[in-house]
Amino acid sequence: MLYEVFHSVAFPLMKQGLRRSGRADYQAWASWFATADPWATYQSAQSLARWSDSGKLLPMFEALPNKAYVYGLQSERVPHILPKLRGIETYEIPNSQHFPMIDNPASFYQTLARIIMET
């Protein structure tokens, strides 16, 4: 979408939707968005979309010598991503979605500590 549409319509709607959500991760995101620059957010979203669509992210991740994929169990992306990670250690964080470090910090940081200690 054009920046003018993003700035005048989409960005305010995103901020409003995040503020109204009862999800802890969206509430954290709402506080970040409250001070975010719309132009920087727009450019960041475009960059993320280009990288995501490029097909380069998975090979870069696979090439890392020590890696693990940690995800929120209730994330809507899980069914799409996990089949692509065959042979890679994955760790689910229960009771969490897109931001497991916010939704379930105790489990998230315990899992990270376990991963680091096992490496």
PDB file of N, CA and C in Angstrom:
ATOM      1  N   MET A   1       0.836  -1.174   0.000  1.00  0.00           N
ATOM      2  CA  MET A   1       0.000   0.000   0.000  1.00  0.00           C
ATOM      3  C   MET A   1       0.882   1.238   0.000  1.00  0.00           C
ATOM      4  N   LEU A   2       0.349   2.300  -0.497  1.00  0.00           N
ATOM      5  CA  LEU A   2       1.079   3.559  -0.507  1.00  0.00           C
ATOM      6  C   LEU A   2       1.254   4.073   0.920  1.00  0.00           C
ATOM      7  N   TYR A   3       2.346   4.797   1.132  1.00  0.00           N
ATOM      8  CA  TYR A   3       2.620   5.320   2.471  1.00  0.00           C
ATOM      9  C   TYR A   3       1.484   6.224   2.959  1.00  0.00           C
ATOM     10  N   GLU A   4       0.926   7.030   2.093  1.00  0.00           N
ATOM     11  CA  GLU A   4      -0.141   7.949   2.503  1.00  0.00           C
ATOM     12  C   GLU A   4      -1.324   7.180   3.092  1.00  0.00           C
ATOM     13  N   VAL A   5      -1.668   6.054   2.492  1.00  0.00           N
ATOM     14  CA  VAL A   5      -2.766   5.216   3.001  1.00  0.00           C
ATOM     15  C   VAL A   5      -2.352   4.577   4.320  1.00  0.00           C
ATOM     16  N   PHE A   6      -1.134   4.074   4.378  1.00  0.00           N
ATOM     17  CA  PHE A   6      -0.639   3.483   5.627  1.00  0.00           C
ATOM     18  C   PHE A   6      -0.693   4.500   6.754  1.00  0.00           C
ATOM     19  N   HIS A   7      -0.160   5.695   6.503  1.00  0.00           N
ATOM     20  CA  HIS A   7      -0.070   6.726   7.545  1.00  0.00           C
ATOM     21  C   HIS A   7      -1.439   7.215   8.003  1.00  0.00           C
ATOM     22  N   SER A   8      -2.340   7.424   7.073  1.00  0.00           N
ATOM     23  CA  SER A   8      -3.628   8.017   7.432  1.00  0.00           C
ATOM     24  C   SER A   8      -4.692   7.000   7.836  1.00  0.00           C
ATOM     25  N   VAL A   9      -4.569   5.752   7.373  1.00  0.00           N
ATOM     26  CA  VAL A   9      -5.613   4.765   7.650  1.00  0.00           C
ATOM     27  C   VAL A   9      -5.067   3.549   8.415  1.00  0.00           C
ATOM     28  N   ALA A  10      -4.128   2.841   7.811  1.00  0.00           N
ATOM     29  CA  ALA A  10      -3.694   1.557   8.375  1.00  0.00           C
ATOM     30  C   ALA A  10      -2.980   1.699   9.720  1.00  0.00           C
ATOM     31  N   PHE A  11      -2.049   2.632   9.821  1.00  0.00           N
ATOM     32  CA  PHE A  11      -1.291   2.776  11.065  1.00  0.00           C
ATOM     33  C   PHE A  11      -2.197   3.139  12.244  1.00  0.00           C
ATOM     34  N   PRO A  12      -3.093   4.133  12.099  1.00  0.00           N
ATOM     35  CA  PRO A  12      -4.006   4.423  13.208  1.00  0.00           C
ATOM     36  C   PRO A  12      -4.915   3.232  13.558  1.00  0.00           C
ATOM     37  N   LEU A  13      -5.372   2.492  12.540  1.00  0.00           N
ATOM     38  CA  LEU A  13      -6.209   1.321  12.817  1.00  0.00           C
ATOM     39  C   LEU A  13      -5.429   0.233  13.544  1.00  0.00           C
ATOM     40  N   MET A  14      -4.161   0.049  13.166  1.00  0.00           N
ATOM     41  CA  MET A  14      -3.322  -0.940  13.847  1.00  0.00           C
ATOM     42  C   MET A  14      -3.143  -0.550  15.317  1.00  0.00           C
ATOM     43  N   LYS A  15      -2.833   0.713  15.563  1.00  0.00           N
ATOM     44  CA  LYS A  15      -2.642   1.172  16.943  1.00  0.00           C
ATOM     45  C   LYS A  15      -3.913   0.986  17.761  1.00  0.00           C
ATOM     46  N   GLN A  16      -5.041   1.333  17.184  1.00  0.00           N
ATOM     47  CA  GLN A  16      -6.322   1.190  17.862  1.00  0.00           C
ATOM     48  C   GLN A  16      -6.636  -0.281  18.152  1.00  0.00           C
ATOM     49  N   GLY A  17      -6.432  -1.140  17.177  1.00  0.00           N
ATOM     50  CA  GLY A  17      -6.699  -2.565  17.361  1.00  0.00           C
ATOM     51  C   GLY A  17      -5.817  -3.184  18.432  1.00  0.00           C
ATOM     52  N   LEU A  18      -4.556  -2.800  18.448  1.00  0.00           N
ATOM     53  CA  LEU A  18      -3.639  -3.328  19.462  1.00  0.00           C
ATOM     54  C   LEU A  18      -4.053  -2.873  20.855  1.00  0.00           C
ATOM     55  N   ARG A  19      -4.413  -1.593  20.990  1.00  0.00           N
ATOM     56  CA  ARG A  19      -4.831  -1.065  22.300  1.00  0.00           C
ATOM     57  C   ARG A  19      -6.074  -1.777  22.819  1.00  0.00           C
ATOM     58  N   ARG A  20      -6.987  -2.121  21.928  1.00  0.00           N
ATOM     59  CA  ARG A  20      -8.253  -2.738  22.328  1.00  0.00           C
ATOM     60  C   ARG A  20      -8.143  -4.231  22.618  1.00  0.00           C
ATOM     61  N   SER A  21      -7.077  -4.837  22.189  1.00  0.00           N
ATOM     62  CA  SER A  21      -6.913  -6.274  22.366  1.00  0.00           C
ATOM     63  C   SER A  21      -6.684  -6.616  23.833  1.00  0.00           C
ATOM     64  N   GLY A  22      -7.177  -7.751  24.240  1.00  0.00           N
ATOM     65  CA  GLY A  22      -6.934  -8.239  25.594  1.00  0.00           C
ATOM     66  C   GLY A  22      -5.674  -9.084  25.700  1.00  0.00           C
ATOM     67  N   ARG A  23      -5.032  -9.363  24.564  1.00  0.00           N
ATOM     68  CA  ARG A  23      -3.829 -10.192  24.569  1.00  0.00           C
ATOM     69  C   ARG A  23      -2.643  -9.415  25.126  1.00  0.00           C
ATOM     70  N   ALA A  24      -1.880 -10.064  25.988  1.00  0.00           N
ATOM     71  CA  ALA A  24      -0.710  -9.418  26.590  1.00  0.00           C
ATOM     72  C   ALA A  24       0.317  -9.020  25.543  1.00  0.00           C
ATOM     73  N   ASP A  25       0.526  -9.884  24.537  1.00  0.00           N
ATOM     74  CA  ASP A  25       1.524  -9.549  23.516  1.00  0.00           C
ATOM     75  C   ASP A  25       1.091  -8.337  22.696  1.00  0.00           C
ATOM     76  N   TYR A  26      -0.184  -8.225  22.402  1.00  0.00           N
ATOM     77  CA  TYR A  26      -0.654  -7.068  21.649  1.00  0.00           C
ATOM     78  C   TYR A  26      -0.608  -5.796  22.495  1.00  0.00           C
ATOM     79  N   GLN A  27      -0.828  -5.927  23.786  1.00  0.00           N
ATOM     80  CA  GLN A  27      -0.727  -4.763  24.661  1.00  0.00           C
ATOM     81  C   GLN A  27       0.703  -4.234  24.682  1.00  0.00           C
ATOM     82  N   ALA A  28       1.675  -5.129  24.726  1.00  0.00           N
ATOM     83  CA  ALA A  28       3.081  -4.704  24.660  1.00  0.00           C
ATOM     84  C   ALA A  28       3.350  -4.036  23.321  1.00  0.00           C
ATOM     85  N   TRP A  29       2.866  -4.636  22.265  1.00  0.00           N
ATOM     86  CA  TRP A  29       3.050  -4.071  20.937  1.00  0.00           C
ATOM     87  C   TRP A  29       2.394  -2.695  20.841  1.00  0.00           C
ATOM     88  N   ALA A  30       1.235  -2.533  21.482  1.00  0.00           N
ATOM     89  CA  ALA A  30       0.538  -1.241  21.484  1.00  0.00           C
ATOM     90  C   ALA A  30       1.398  -0.167  22.137  1.00  0.00           C
ATOM     91  N   SER A  31       2.074  -0.513  23.217  1.00  0.00           N
ATOM     92  CA  SER A  31       2.926   0.481  23.872  1.00  0.00           C
ATOM     93  C   SER A  31       4.115   0.847  22.984  1.00  0.00           C
ATOM     94  N   TRP A  32       4.624  -0.107  22.230  1.00  0.00           N
ATOM     95  CA  TRP A  32       5.722   0.186  21.304  1.00  0.00           C
ATOM     96  C   TRP A  32       5.225   1.075  20.168  1.00  0.00           C
ATOM     97  N   PHE A  33       4.063   0.751  19.644  1.00  0.00           N
ATOM     98  CA  PHE A  33       3.503   1.515  18.531  1.00  0.00           C
ATOM     99  C   PHE A  33       3.159   2.938  18.931  1.00  0.00           C
ATOM    100  N   ALA A  34       2.855   3.167  20.198  1.00  0.00           N
ATOM    101  CA  ALA A  34       2.475   4.504  20.647  1.00  0.00           C
ATOM    102  C   ALA A  34       3.579   5.518  20.382  1.00  0.00           C
ATOM    103  N   THR A  35       4.822   5.072  20.393  1.00  0.00           N
ATOM    104  CA  THR A  35       5.941   5.994  20.175  1.00  0.00           C
ATOM    105  C   THR A  35       6.670   5.732  18.859  1.00  0.00           C
ATOM    106  N   ALA A  36       6.167   4.798  18.072  1.00  0.00           N
ATOM    107  CA  ALA A  36       6.824   4.443  16.816  1.00  0.00           C
ATOM    108  C   ALA A  36       6.599   5.508  15.748  1.00  0.00           C
ATOM    109  N   ASP A  37       7.599   5.713  14.947  1.00  0.00           N
ATOM    110  CA  ASP A  37       7.495   6.615  13.820  1.00  0.00           C
ATOM    111  C   ASP A  37       6.780   5.880  12.677  1.00  0.00           C
ATOM    112  N   PRO A  38       5.705   6.438  12.139  1.00  0.00           N
ATOM    113  CA  PRO A  38       4.967   5.745  11.081  1.00  0.00           C
ATOM    114  C   PRO A  38       5.835   5.430   9.854  1.00  0.00           C
ATOM    115  N   TRP A  39       6.708   6.345   9.467  1.00  0.00           N
ATOM    116  CA  TRP A  39       7.561   6.107   8.300  1.00  0.00           C
ATOM    117  C   TRP A  39       8.505   4.947   8.555  1.00  0.00           C
ATOM    118  N   ALA A  40       9.116   4.904   9.738  1.00  0.00           N
ATOM    119  CA  ALA A  40      10.028   3.808  10.073  1.00  0.00           C
ATOM    120  C   ALA A  40       9.271   2.481  10.124  1.00  0.00           C
ATOM    121  N   THR A  41       8.065   2.500  10.663  1.00  0.00           N
ATOM    122  CA  THR A  41       7.246   1.285  10.733  1.00  0.00           C
ATOM    123  C   THR A  41       6.898   0.808   9.325  1.00  0.00           C
ATOM    124  N   TYR A  42       6.524   1.726   8.471  1.00  0.00           N
ATOM    125  CA  TYR A  42       6.187   1.407   7.084  1.00  0.00           C
ATOM    126  C   TYR A  42       7.386   0.796   6.371  1.00  0.00           C
ATOM    127  N   GLN A  43       8.543   1.431   6.493  1.00  0.00           N
ATOM    128  CA  GLN A  43       9.750   0.935   5.836  1.00  0.00           C
ATOM    129  C   GLN A  43      10.161  -0.431   6.391  1.00  0.00           C
ATOM    130  N   SER A  44      10.043  -0.598   7.702  1.00  0.00           N
ATOM    131  CA  SER A  44      10.387  -1.875   8.335  1.00  0.00           C
ATOM    132  C   SER A  44       9.473  -2.989   7.833  1.00  0.00           C
ATOM    133  N   ALA A  45       8.186  -2.702   7.732  1.00  0.00           N
ATOM    134  CA  ALA A  45       7.230  -3.704   7.241  1.00  0.00           C
ATOM    135  C   ALA A  45       7.534  -4.084   5.796  1.00  0.00           C
ATOM    136  N   GLN A  46       7.885  -3.103   4.981  1.00  0.00           N
ATOM    137  CA  GLN A  46       8.225  -3.405   3.590  1.00  0.00           C
ATOM    138  C   GLN A  46       9.482  -4.260   3.513  1.00  0.00           C
ATOM    139  N   SER A  47      10.474  -3.941   4.325  1.00  0.00           N
ATOM    140  CA  SER A  47      11.716  -4.710   4.340  1.00  0.00           C
ATOM    141  C   SER A  47      11.454  -6.148   4.792  1.00  0.00           C
ATOM    142  N   LEU A  48      10.660  -6.297   5.850  1.00  0.00           N
ATOM    143  CA  LEU A  48      10.332  -7.633   6.344  1.00  0.00           C
ATOM    144  C   LEU A  48       9.605  -8.443   5.273  1.00  0.00           C
ATOM    145  N   ALA A  49       8.668  -7.817   4.588  1.00  0.00           N
ATOM    146  CA  ALA A  49       7.932  -8.514   3.534  1.00  0.00           C
ATOM    147  C   ALA A  49       8.869  -8.931   2.395  1.00  0.00           C
ATOM    148  N   ARG A  50       9.784  -8.039   2.002  1.00  0.00           N
ATOM    149  CA  ARG A  50      10.736  -8.382   0.934  1.00  0.00           C
ATOM    150  C   ARG A  50      11.604  -9.566   1.353  1.00  0.00           C
ATOM    151  N   TRP A  51      12.128  -9.541   2.585  1.00  0.00           N
ATOM    152  CA  TRP A  51      12.964 -10.647   3.068  1.00  0.00           C
ATOM    153  C   TRP A  51      12.154 -11.934   3.150  1.00  0.00           C
ATOM    154  N   SER A  52      10.950 -11.834   3.658  1.00  0.00           N
ATOM    155  CA  SER A  52      10.107 -13.015   3.796  1.00  0.00           C
ATOM    156  C   SER A  52       9.804 -13.626   2.437  1.00  0.00           C
ATOM    157  N   ASP A  53       9.513 -12.787   1.471  1.00  0.00           N
ATOM    158  CA  ASP A  53       9.172 -13.267   0.130  1.00  0.00           C
ATOM    159  C   ASP A  53      10.387 -13.703  -0.682  1.00  0.00           C
ATOM    160  N   SER A  54      11.582 -13.318  -0.261  1.00  0.00           N
ATOM    161  CA  SER A  54      12.790 -13.595  -1.042  1.00  0.00           C
ATOM    162  C   SER A  54      13.197 -15.064  -1.017  1.00  0.00           C
ATOM    163  N   GLY A  55      12.761 -15.803   0.002  1.00  0.00           N
ATOM    164  CA  GLY A  55      13.183 -17.187   0.133  1.00  0.00           C
ATOM    165  C   GLY A  55      14.579 -17.338   0.726  1.00  0.00           C
ATOM    166  N   LYS A  56      15.181 -16.249   1.186  1.00  0.00           N
ATOM    167  CA  LYS A  56      16.543 -16.283   1.716  1.00  0.00           C
ATOM    168  C   LYS A  56      16.620 -16.565   3.219  1.00  0.00           C
ATOM    169  N   LEU A  57      15.555 -16.284   3.953  1.00  0.00           N
ATOM    170  CA  LEU A  57      15.632 -16.391   5.415  1.00  0.00           C
ATOM    171  C   LEU A  57      15.851 -17.827   5.894  1.00  0.00           C
ATOM    172  N   LEU A  58      15.107 -18.772   5.365  1.00  0.00           N
ATOM    173  CA  LEU A  58      15.248 -20.157   5.813  1.00  0.00           C
ATOM    174  C   LEU A  58      16.646 -20.709   5.527  1.00  0.00           C
ATOM    175  N   PRO A  59      17.190 -20.536   4.331  1.00  0.00           N
ATOM    176  CA  PRO A  59      18.553 -21.021   4.108  1.00  0.00           C
ATOM    177  C   PRO A  59      19.587 -20.353   5.022  1.00  0.00           C
ATOM    178  N   MET A  60      19.401 -19.084   5.308  1.00  0.00           N
ATOM    179  CA  MET A  60      20.320 -18.399   6.228  1.00  0.00           C
ATOM    180  C   MET A  60      20.219 -19.014   7.625  1.00  0.00           C
ATOM    181  N   PHE A  61      18.996 -19.277   8.070  1.00  0.00           N
ATOM    182  CA  PHE A  61      18.791 -19.888   9.380  1.00  0.00           C
ATOM    183  C   PHE A  61      19.388 -21.290   9.408  1.00  0.00           C
ATOM    184  N   GLU A  62      19.131 -22.061   8.361  1.00  0.00           N
ATOM    185  CA  GLU A  62      19.648 -23.426   8.291  1.00  0.00           C
ATOM    186  C   GLU A  62      21.175 -23.454   8.296  1.00  0.00           C
ATOM    187  N   ALA A  63      21.805 -22.425   7.771  1.00  0.00           N
ATOM    188  CA  ALA A  63      23.268 -22.377   7.699  1.00  0.00           C
ATOM    189  C   ALA A  63      23.929 -22.034   9.040  1.00  0.00           C
ATOM    190  N   LEU A  64      23.162 -21.581  10.004  1.00  0.00           N
ATOM    191  CA  LEU A  64      23.743 -21.256  11.309  1.00  0.00           C
ATOM    192  C   LEU A  64      24.281 -22.528  11.967  1.00  0.00           C
ATOM    193  N   PRO A  65      25.443 -22.458  12.606  1.00  0.00           N
ATOM    194  CA  PRO A  65      26.005 -23.669  13.214  1.00  0.00           C
ATOM    195  C   PRO A  65      25.217 -24.137  14.440  1.00  0.00           C
ATOM    196  N   ASN A  66      24.787 -23.238  15.275  1.00  0.00           N
ATOM    197  CA  ASN A  66      24.006 -23.578  16.472  1.00  0.00           C
ATOM    198  C   ASN A  66      22.684 -22.838  16.366  1.00  0.00           C
ATOM    199  N   LYS A  67      21.611 -23.591  16.302  1.00  0.00           N
ATOM    200  CA  LYS A  67      20.313 -22.953  16.109  1.00  0.00           C
ATOM    201  C   LYS A  67      19.217 -23.746  16.806  1.00  0.00           C
ATOM    202  N   ALA A  68      18.185 -23.036  17.139  1.00  0.00           N
ATOM    203  CA  ALA A  68      16.959 -23.627  17.666  1.00  0.00           C
ATOM    204  C   ALA A  68      15.837 -22.665  17.325  1.00  0.00           C
ATOM    205  N   TYR A  69      14.665 -23.199  17.125  1.00  0.00           N
ATOM    206  CA  TYR A  69      13.499 -22.375  16.831  1.00  0.00           C
ATOM    207  C   TYR A  69      12.569 -22.440  18.037  1.00  0.00           C
ATOM    208  N   VAL A  70      12.346 -21.307  18.668  1.00  0.00           N
ATOM    209  CA  VAL A  70      11.484 -21.206  19.845  1.00  0.00           C
ATOM    210  C   VAL A  70      10.236 -20.460  19.413  1.00  0.00           C
ATOM    211  N   TYR A  71       9.070 -21.006  19.746  1.00  0.00           N
ATOM    212  CA  TYR A  71       7.828 -20.412  19.255  1.00  0.00           C
ATOM    213  C   TYR A  71       6.710 -20.538  20.281  1.00  0.00           C
ATOM    214  N   GLY A  72       5.768 -19.617  20.167  1.00  0.00           N
ATOM    215  CA  GLY A  72       4.567 -19.671  20.973  1.00  0.00           C
ATOM    216  C   GLY A  72       3.626 -20.727  20.428  1.00  0.00           C
ATOM    217  N   LEU A  73       3.194 -21.621  21.279  1.00  0.00           N
ATOM    218  CA  LEU A  73       2.380 -22.760  20.848  1.00  0.00           C
ATOM    219  C   LEU A  73       1.092 -22.338  20.149  1.00  0.00           C
ATOM    220  N   GLN A  74       0.489 -21.236  20.578  1.00  0.00           N
ATOM    221  CA  GLN A  74      -0.769 -20.799  19.965  1.00  0.00           C
ATOM    222  C   GLN A  74      -0.579 -19.837  18.792  1.00  0.00           C
ATOM    223  N   SER A  75       0.647 -19.657  18.338  1.00  0.00           N
ATOM    224  CA  SER A  75       0.884 -18.767  17.200  1.00  0.00           C
ATOM    225  C   SER A  75       0.232 -19.345  15.948  1.00  0.00           C
ATOM    226  N   GLU A  76      -0.442 -18.493  15.212  1.00  0.00           N
ATOM    227  CA  GLU A  76      -1.115 -18.949  13.990  1.00  0.00           C
ATOM    228  C   GLU A  76      -0.122 -19.330  12.897  1.00  0.00           C
ATOM    229  N   ARG A  77       1.134 -18.988  13.045  1.00  0.00           N
ATOM    230  CA  ARG A  77       2.143 -19.308  12.032  1.00  0.00           C
ATOM    231  C   ARG A  77       2.722 -20.718  12.195  1.00  0.00           C
ATOM    232  N   VAL A  78       2.504 -21.334  13.327  1.00  0.00           N
ATOM    233  CA  VAL A  78       3.129 -22.622  13.634  1.00  0.00           C
ATOM    234  C   VAL A  78       2.866 -23.682  12.570  1.00  0.00           C
ATOM    235  N   PRO A  79       1.635 -23.920  12.137  1.00  0.00           N
ATOM    236  CA  PRO A  79       1.410 -24.973  11.137  1.00  0.00           C
ATOM    237  C   PRO A  79       2.137 -24.714   9.815  1.00  0.00           C
ATOM    238  N   HIS A  80       2.397 -23.468   9.505  1.00  0.00           N
ATOM    239  CA  HIS A  80       3.078 -23.120   8.262  1.00  0.00           C
ATOM    240  C   HIS A  80       4.598 -23.266   8.382  1.00  0.00           C
ATOM    241  N   ILE A  81       5.143 -22.939   9.541  1.00  0.00           N
ATOM    242  CA  ILE A  81       6.597 -22.878   9.713  1.00  0.00           C
ATOM    243  C   ILE A  81       7.211 -24.227  10.087  1.00  0.00           C
ATOM    244  N   LEU A  82       6.628 -24.939  11.031  1.00  0.00           N
ATOM    245  CA  LEU A  82       7.258 -26.158  11.550  1.00  0.00           C
ATOM    246  C   LEU A  82       7.601 -27.200  10.479  1.00  0.00           C
ATOM    247  N   PRO A  83       6.747 -27.445   9.493  1.00  0.00           N
ATOM    248  CA  PRO A  83       7.130 -28.435   8.476  1.00  0.00           C
ATOM    249  C   PRO A  83       8.403 -28.060   7.708  1.00  0.00           C
ATOM    250  N   LYS A  84       8.733 -26.792   7.659  1.00  0.00           N
ATOM    251  CA  LYS A  84       9.926 -26.340   6.951  1.00  0.00           C
ATOM    252  C   LYS A  84      11.191 -26.492   7.793  1.00  0.00           C
ATOM    253  N   LEU A  85      11.041 -26.827   9.060  1.00  0.00           N
ATOM    254  CA  LEU A  85      12.185 -26.880   9.970  1.00  0.00           C
ATOM    255  C   LEU A  85      12.596 -28.312  10.308  1.00  0.00           C
ATOM    256  N   ARG A  86      12.372 -29.233   9.416  1.00  0.00           N
ATOM    257  CA  ARG A  86      12.737 -30.638   9.657  1.00  0.00           C
ATOM    258  C   ARG A  86      14.224 -30.746   9.953  1.00  0.00           C
ATOM    259  N   GLY A  87      14.545 -31.475  11.011  1.00  0.00           N
ATOM    260  CA  GLY A  87      15.934 -31.657  11.409  1.00  0.00           C
ATOM    261  C   GLY A  87      16.481 -30.540  12.280  1.00  0.00           C
ATOM    262  N   ILE A  88      15.683 -29.530  12.568  1.00  0.00           N
ATOM    263  CA  ILE A  88      16.100 -28.415  13.419  1.00  0.00           C
ATOM    264  C   ILE A  88      15.371 -28.542  14.746  1.00  0.00           C
ATOM    265  N   GLU A  89      16.114 -28.365  15.840  1.00  0.00           N
ATOM    266  CA  GLU A  89      15.496 -28.422  17.166  1.00  0.00           C
ATOM    267  C   GLU A  89      14.467 -27.308  17.305  1.00  0.00           C
ATOM    268  N   THR A  90      13.261 -27.678  17.743  1.00  0.00           N
ATOM    269  CA  THR A  90      12.217 -26.693  17.980  1.00  0.00           C
ATOM    270  C   THR A  90      11.732 -26.828  19.414  1.00  0.00           C
ATOM    271  N   TYR A  91      11.332 -25.717  19.986  1.00  0.00           N
ATOM    272  CA  TYR A  91      10.873 -25.676  21.370  1.00  0.00           C
ATOM    273  C   TYR A  91       9.609 -24.836  21.426  1.00  0.00           C
ATOM    274  N   GLU A  92       8.551 -25.439  21.918  1.00  0.00           N
ATOM    275  CA  GLU A  92       7.286 -24.716  22.032  1.00  0.00           C
ATOM    276  C   GLU A  92       7.144 -24.116  23.425  1.00  0.00           C
ATOM    277  N   ILE A  93       6.583 -22.925  23.462  1.00  0.00           N
ATOM    278  CA  ILE A  93       6.300 -22.258  24.722  1.00  0.00           C
ATOM    279  C   ILE A  93       4.782 -22.283  24.895  1.00  0.00           C
ATOM    280  N   PRO A  94       4.298 -23.014  25.907  1.00  0.00           N
ATOM    281  CA  PRO A  94       2.847 -23.107  26.092  1.00  0.00           C
ATOM    282  C   PRO A  94       2.247 -21.765  26.495  1.00  0.00           C
ATOM    283  N   ASN A  95       0.955 -21.646  26.299  1.00  0.00           N
ATOM    284  CA  ASN A  95       0.213 -20.448  26.701  1.00  0.00           C
ATOM    285  C   ASN A  95       0.829 -19.177  26.138  1.00  0.00           C
ATOM    286  N   SER A  96       1.250 -19.229  24.876  1.00  0.00           N
ATOM    287  CA  SER A  96       1.830 -18.038  24.262  1.00  0.00           C
ATOM    288  C   SER A  96       1.537 -18.034  22.772  1.00  0.00           C
ATOM    289  N   GLN A  97       1.665 -16.832  22.217  1.00  0.00           N
ATOM    290  CA  GLN A  97       1.395 -16.656  20.791  1.00  0.00           C
ATOM    291  C   GLN A  97       2.632 -16.072  20.115  1.00  0.00           C
ATOM    292  N   HIS A  98       2.489 -14.927  19.453  1.00  0.00           N
ATOM    293  CA  HIS A  98       3.575 -14.357  18.651  1.00  0.00           C
ATOM    294  C   HIS A  98       4.764 -13.891  19.499  1.00  0.00           C
ATOM    295  N   PHE A  99       4.516 -13.427  20.703  1.00  0.00           N
ATOM    296  CA  PHE A  99       5.580 -12.939  21.582  1.00  0.00           C
ATOM    297  C   PHE A  99       5.641 -13.798  22.847  1.00  0.00           C
ATOM    298  N   PRO A 100       6.205 -14.999  22.773  1.00  0.00           N
ATOM    299  CA  PRO A 100       6.219 -15.877  23.951  1.00  0.00           C
ATOM    300  C   PRO A 100       6.975 -15.285  25.139  1.00  0.00           C
ATOM    301  N   MET A 101       7.920 -14.388  24.869  1.00  0.00           N
ATOM    302  CA  MET A 101       8.659 -13.777  25.973  1.00  0.00           C
ATOM    303  C   MET A 101       7.782 -12.829  26.780  1.00  0.00           C
ATOM    304  N   ILE A 102       6.666 -12.415  26.215  1.00  0.00           N
ATOM    305  CA  ILE A 102       5.710 -11.562  26.931  1.00  0.00           C
ATOM    306  C   ILE A 102       4.576 -12.407  27.494  1.00  0.00           C
ATOM    307  N   ASP A 103       4.053 -13.328  26.695  1.00  0.00           N
ATOM    308  CA  ASP A 103       2.911 -14.141  27.113  1.00  0.00           C
ATOM    309  C   ASP A 103       3.246 -15.110  28.242  1.00  0.00           C
ATOM    310  N   ASN A 104       4.420 -15.700  28.182  1.00  0.00           N
ATOM    311  CA  ASN A 104       4.808 -16.698  29.174  1.00  0.00           C
ATOM    312  C   ASN A 104       6.315 -16.580  29.437  1.00  0.00           C
ATOM    313  N   PRO A 105       6.719 -15.478  30.081  1.00  0.00           N
ATOM    314  CA  PRO A 105       8.153 -15.233  30.242  1.00  0.00           C
ATOM    315  C   PRO A 105       8.878 -16.310  31.045  1.00  0.00           C
ATOM    316  N   ALA A 106       8.250 -16.862  32.049  1.00  0.00           N
ATOM    317  CA  ALA A 106       8.926 -17.877  32.868  1.00  0.00           C
ATOM    318  C   ALA A 106       9.312 -19.079  32.007  1.00  0.00           C
ATOM    319  N   SER A 107       8.368 -19.594  31.256  1.00  0.00           N
ATOM    320  CA  SER A 107       8.653 -20.750  30.398  1.00  0.00           C
ATOM    321  C   SER A 107       9.626 -20.384  29.286  1.00  0.00           C
ATOM    322  N   PHE A 108       9.466 -19.197  28.717  1.00  0.00           N
ATOM    323  CA  PHE A 108      10.334 -18.770  27.627  1.00  0.00           C
ATOM    324  C   PHE A 108      11.798 -18.707  28.084  1.00  0.00           C
ATOM    325  N   TYR A 109      12.055 -18.032  29.193  1.00  0.00           N
ATOM    326  CA  TYR A 109      13.445 -17.866  29.628  1.00  0.00           C
ATOM    327  C   TYR A 109      14.027 -19.147  30.221  1.00  0.00           C
ATOM    328  N   GLN A 110      13.191 -19.981  30.806  1.00  0.00           N
ATOM    329  CA  GLN A 110      13.671 -21.295  31.247  1.00  0.00           C
ATOM    330  C   GLN A 110      14.086 -22.134  30.037  1.00  0.00           C
ATOM    331  N   THR A 111      13.299 -22.054  28.984  1.00  0.00           N
ATOM    332  CA  THR A 111      13.631 -22.795  27.765  1.00  0.00           C
ATOM    333  C   THR A 111      14.916 -22.268  27.148  1.00  0.00           C
ATOM    334  N   LEU A 112      15.064 -20.949  27.075  1.00  0.00           N
ATOM    335  CA  LEU A 112      16.316 -20.400  26.533  1.00  0.00           C
ATOM    336  C   LEU A 112      17.520 -20.843  27.358  1.00  0.00           C
ATOM    337  N   ALA A 113      17.388 -20.814  28.667  1.00  0.00           N
ATOM    338  CA  ALA A 113      18.501 -21.246  29.518  1.00  0.00           C
ATOM    339  C   ALA A 113      18.847 -22.713  29.252  1.00  0.00           C
ATOM    340  N   ARG A 114      17.823 -23.542  29.116  1.00  0.00           N
ATOM    341  CA  ARG A 114      18.048 -24.963  28.837  1.00  0.00           C
ATOM    342  C   ARG A 114      18.758 -25.149  27.489  1.00  0.00           C
ATOM    343  N   ILE A 115      18.332 -24.412  26.482  1.00  0.00           N
ATOM    344  CA  ILE A 115      18.961 -24.511  25.162  1.00  0.00           C
ATOM    345  C   ILE A 115      20.427 -24.102  25.242  1.00  0.00           C
ATOM    346  N   ILE A 116      20.697 -23.011  25.907  1.00  0.00           N
ATOM    347  CA  ILE A 116      22.074 -22.517  26.024  1.00  0.00           C
ATOM    348  C   ILE A 116      22.936 -23.505  26.801  1.00  0.00           C
ATOM    349  N   MET A 117      22.405 -24.047  27.859  1.00  0.00           N
ATOM    350  CA  MET A 117      23.174 -24.999  28.674  1.00  0.00           C
ATOM    351  C   MET A 117      23.456 -26.299  27.916  1.00  0.00           C
ATOM    352  N   GLU A 118      22.563 -26.672  27.010  1.00  0.00           N
ATOM    353  CA  GLU A 118      22.747 -27.908  26.236  1.00  0.00           C
ATOM    354  C   GLU A 118      23.725 -27.730  25.077  1.00  0.00           C
ATOM    355  N   THR A 119      24.005 -26.490  24.724  1.00  0.00           N
ATOM    356  CA  THR A 119      24.881 -26.224  23.566  1.00  0.00           C
ATOM    357  C   THR A 119      26.333 -26.363  23.927  1.00  0.00           C
TER     358      THR A 119
END
